[in-house]
Amino acid sequence: MIIPDNRTGFSMRVDGIFLNRPDLHVIAAELGIQTKDILVENKILTVYNTSDTCQELVDDNALASFIALTLGIPPQNITELQAVKAKPKVIEMEGMFEDEDDD
């Protein structure tokens, strides 16, 4: 079963800081997005554009600068900004509803 995910956003490489979950919570709160709409993997931060505040920053071409300011790092530490679309979630349903034999 495939669950569609229509979120769009931006990914960016963040150097000069090791991002952890509390950092992500702060960024999410500042952007007015849910914590599920921000993630980091291998120094690549992904922010899904799911709030009016975030959309305003995107429209002003200021998302990377805002992230840098929030993290207290120079804007030059944020590179490789790219538009992204969330991937649909795939759930394996095979065998989920089969009865187990109790011998």
C-alpha atoms as a PDB file:
ATOM      1  CA  MET A   1       0.000   0.000   0.000  1.00  0.00           C
ATOM      2  CA  ILE A   2       1.339   3.429  -0.910  1.00  0.00           C
ATOM      3  CA  ILE A   3       0.478   6.472   1.195  1.00  0.00           C
ATOM      4  CA  PRO A   4       0.951   9.679  -0.802  1.00  0.00           C
ATOM      5  CA  ASP A   5       2.967  12.530   0.704  1.00  0.00           C
ATOM      6  CA  ASN A   6       2.494  15.852  -1.064  1.00  0.00           C
ATOM      7  CA  ARG A   7       4.871  17.894   1.081  1.00  0.00           C
ATOM      8  CA  THR A   8       7.481  19.984  -0.683  1.00  0.00           C
ATOM      9  CA  GLY A   9      10.409  21.816   0.802  1.00  0.00           C
ATOM     10  CA  PHE A  10      14.131  22.335   0.650  1.00  0.00           C
ATOM     11  CA  SER A  11      17.229  20.388   1.581  1.00  0.00           C
ATOM     12  CA  MET A  12      20.544  22.017   2.398  1.00  0.00           C
ATOM     13  CA  ARG A  13      23.994  21.016   3.623  1.00  0.00           C
ATOM     14  CA  VAL A  14      24.743  22.488   7.052  1.00  0.00           C
ATOM     15  CA  ASP A  15      28.404  22.660   8.114  1.00  0.00           C
ATOM     16  CA  GLY A  16      29.956  24.026  11.292  1.00  0.00           C
ATOM     17  CA  ILE A  17      27.483  22.452  13.699  1.00  0.00           C
ATOM     18  CA  PHE A  18      26.305  18.978  14.648  1.00  0.00           C
ATOM     19  CA  LEU A  19      22.519  19.174  14.416  1.00  0.00           C
ATOM     20  CA  ASN A  20      20.596  17.236  17.042  1.00  0.00           C
ATOM     21  CA  ARG A  21      16.921  16.776  17.853  1.00  0.00           C
ATOM     22  CA  PRO A  22      16.678  19.872  20.153  1.00  0.00           C
ATOM     23  CA  ASP A  23      18.103  22.034  17.325  1.00  0.00           C
ATOM     24  CA  LEU A  24      15.466  20.680  14.980  1.00  0.00           C
ATOM     25  CA  HIS A  25      12.705  21.381  17.522  1.00  0.00           C
ATOM     26  CA  VAL A  26      13.857  25.007  17.830  1.00  0.00           C
ATOM     27  CA  ILE A  27      13.934  25.475  14.052  1.00  0.00           C
ATOM     28  CA  ALA A  28      10.503  23.850  13.686  1.00  0.00           C
ATOM     29  CA  ALA A  29       9.025  26.092  16.387  1.00  0.00           C
ATOM     30  CA  GLU A  30      10.506  29.213  14.790  1.00  0.00           C
ATOM     31  CA  LEU A  31       9.166  28.216  11.366  1.00  0.00           C
ATOM     32  CA  GLY A  32       5.748  27.225  12.713  1.00  0.00           C
ATOM     33  CA  ILE A  33       6.053  23.707  11.304  1.00  0.00           C
ATOM     34  CA  GLN A  34       5.619  20.336  13.009  1.00  0.00           C
ATOM     35  CA  THR A  35       8.686  18.405  14.118  1.00  0.00           C
ATOM     36  CA  LYS A  36       7.844  15.709  11.544  1.00  0.00           C
ATOM     37  CA  ASP A  37       8.419  18.342   8.836  1.00  0.00           C
ATOM     38  CA  ILE A  38      12.130  18.765   9.574  1.00  0.00           C
ATOM     39  CA  LEU A  39      14.858  16.144   9.516  1.00  0.00           C
ATOM     40  CA  VAL A  40      18.599  15.813   9.225  1.00  0.00           C
ATOM     41  CA  GLU A  41      20.716  13.025   7.791  1.00  0.00           C
ATOM     42  CA  ASN A  42      24.434  13.158   6.970  1.00  0.00           C
ATOM     43  CA  LYS A  43      24.609  16.962   7.429  1.00  0.00           C
ATOM     44  CA  ILE A  44      21.683  17.425   5.038  1.00  0.00           C
ATOM     45  CA  LEU A  45      18.833  19.342   6.655  1.00  0.00           C
ATOM     46  CA  THR A  46      15.418  18.979   5.039  1.00  0.00           C
ATOM     47  CA  VAL A  47      12.637  21.423   5.855  1.00  0.00           C
ATOM     48  CA  TYR A  48       9.169  20.795   4.462  1.00  0.00           C
ATOM     49  CA  ASN A  49       7.309  23.977   3.703  1.00  0.00           C
ATOM     50  CA  THR A  50       4.112  23.431   5.699  1.00  0.00           C
ATOM     51  CA  SER A  51       3.417  26.813   7.339  1.00  0.00           C
ATOM     52  CA  ASP A  52       2.705  30.381   6.318  1.00  0.00           C
ATOM     53  CA  THR A  53       5.882  31.544   8.080  1.00  0.00           C
ATOM     54  CA  CYS A  54       7.982  29.046   6.184  1.00  0.00           C
ATOM     55  CA  GLN A  55       6.280  29.989   2.900  1.00  0.00           C
ATOM     56  CA  GLU A  56       7.022  33.666   3.524  1.00  0.00           C
ATOM     57  CA  LEU A  57      10.717  32.889   4.023  1.00  0.00           C
ATOM     58  CA  VAL A  58      10.755  30.776   0.864  1.00  0.00           C
ATOM     59  CA  ASP A  59       9.039  33.558  -1.084  1.00  0.00           C
ATOM     60  CA  ASP A  60      11.654  36.038   0.186  1.00  0.00           C
ATOM     61  CA  ASN A  61      14.486  33.624  -0.671  1.00  0.00           C
ATOM     62  CA  ALA A  62      15.536  33.819   2.982  1.00  0.00           C
ATOM     63  CA  LEU A  63      15.113  30.267   4.305  1.00  0.00           C
ATOM     64  CA  ALA A  64      18.840  29.453   4.411  1.00  0.00           C
ATOM     65  CA  SER A  65      19.645  32.796   6.080  1.00  0.00           C
ATOM     66  CA  PHE A  66      16.902  32.203   8.632  1.00  0.00           C
ATOM     67  CA  ILE A  67      18.234  28.714   9.423  1.00  0.00           C
ATOM     68  CA  ALA A  68      21.759  30.126   9.829  1.00  0.00           C
ATOM     69  CA  LEU A  69      20.509  32.869  12.147  1.00  0.00           C
ATOM     70  CA  THR A  70      18.486  30.400  14.214  1.00  0.00           C
ATOM     71  CA  LEU A  71      21.502  28.076  14.588  1.00  0.00           C
ATOM     72  CA  GLY A  72      23.961  30.919  15.187  1.00  0.00           C
ATOM     73  CA  ILE A  73      26.216  29.963  12.272  1.00  0.00           C
ATOM     74  CA  PRO A  74      27.420  31.985   9.274  1.00  0.00           C
ATOM     75  CA  PRO A  75      25.122  31.768   6.226  1.00  0.00           C
ATOM     76  CA  GLN A  76      28.136  30.521   4.224  1.00  0.00           C
ATOM     77  CA  ASN A  77      27.891  27.276   6.225  1.00  0.00           C
ATOM     78  CA  ILE A  78      24.632  26.465   4.445  1.00  0.00           C
ATOM     79  CA  THR A  79      25.153  25.229   0.915  1.00  0.00           C
ATOM     80  CA  GLU A  80      23.599  22.946  -1.706  1.00  0.00           C
ATOM     81  CA  LEU A  81      20.077  24.324  -1.312  1.00  0.00           C
ATOM     82  CA  GLN A  82      17.713  22.186  -3.395  1.00  0.00           C
ATOM     83  CA  ALA A  83      13.962  21.895  -3.771  1.00  0.00           C
ATOM     84  CA  VAL A  84      12.654  18.482  -2.661  1.00  0.00           C
ATOM     85  CA  LYS A  85       9.395  16.563  -2.666  1.00  0.00           C
ATOM     86  CA  ALA A  86       8.583  14.044   0.041  1.00  0.00           C
ATOM     87  CA  LYS A  87       8.613  10.424  -1.021  1.00  0.00           C
ATOM     88  CA  PRO A  88       5.394   8.423  -0.635  1.00  0.00           C
ATOM     89  CA  LYS A  89       5.397   5.936   2.214  1.00  0.00           C
ATOM     90  CA  VAL A  90       5.162   2.272   1.251  1.00  0.00           C
ATOM     91  CA  ILE A  91       3.605  -0.105   3.754  1.00  0.00           C
ATOM     92  CA  GLU A  92       3.991  -3.826   3.235  1.00  0.00           C
ATOM     93  CA  MET A  93       0.545  -5.343   3.747  1.00  0.00           C
ATOM     94  CA  GLU A  94       1.458  -8.932   2.853  1.00  0.00           C
ATOM     95  CA  GLY A  95       0.667 -11.272   5.709  1.00  0.00           C
ATOM     96  CA  MET A  96      -0.687  -8.563   8.018  1.00  0.00           C
ATOM     97  CA  PHE A  97      -4.210  -9.961   8.086  1.00  0.00           C
ATOM     98  CA  GLU A  98      -3.510 -13.675   7.952  1.00  0.00           C
ATOM     99  CA  ASP A  99      -4.531 -15.766  10.942  1.00  0.00           C
ATOM    100  CA  GLU A 100      -1.733 -17.553  12.734  1.00  0.00           C
ATOM    101  CA  ASP A 101      -2.304 -21.226  13.455  1.00  0.00           C
ATOM    102  CA  ASP A 102      -2.120 -22.013  17.149  1.00  0.00           C
ATOM    103  CA  ASP A 103      -1.102 -25.688  17.207  1.00  0.00           C
END
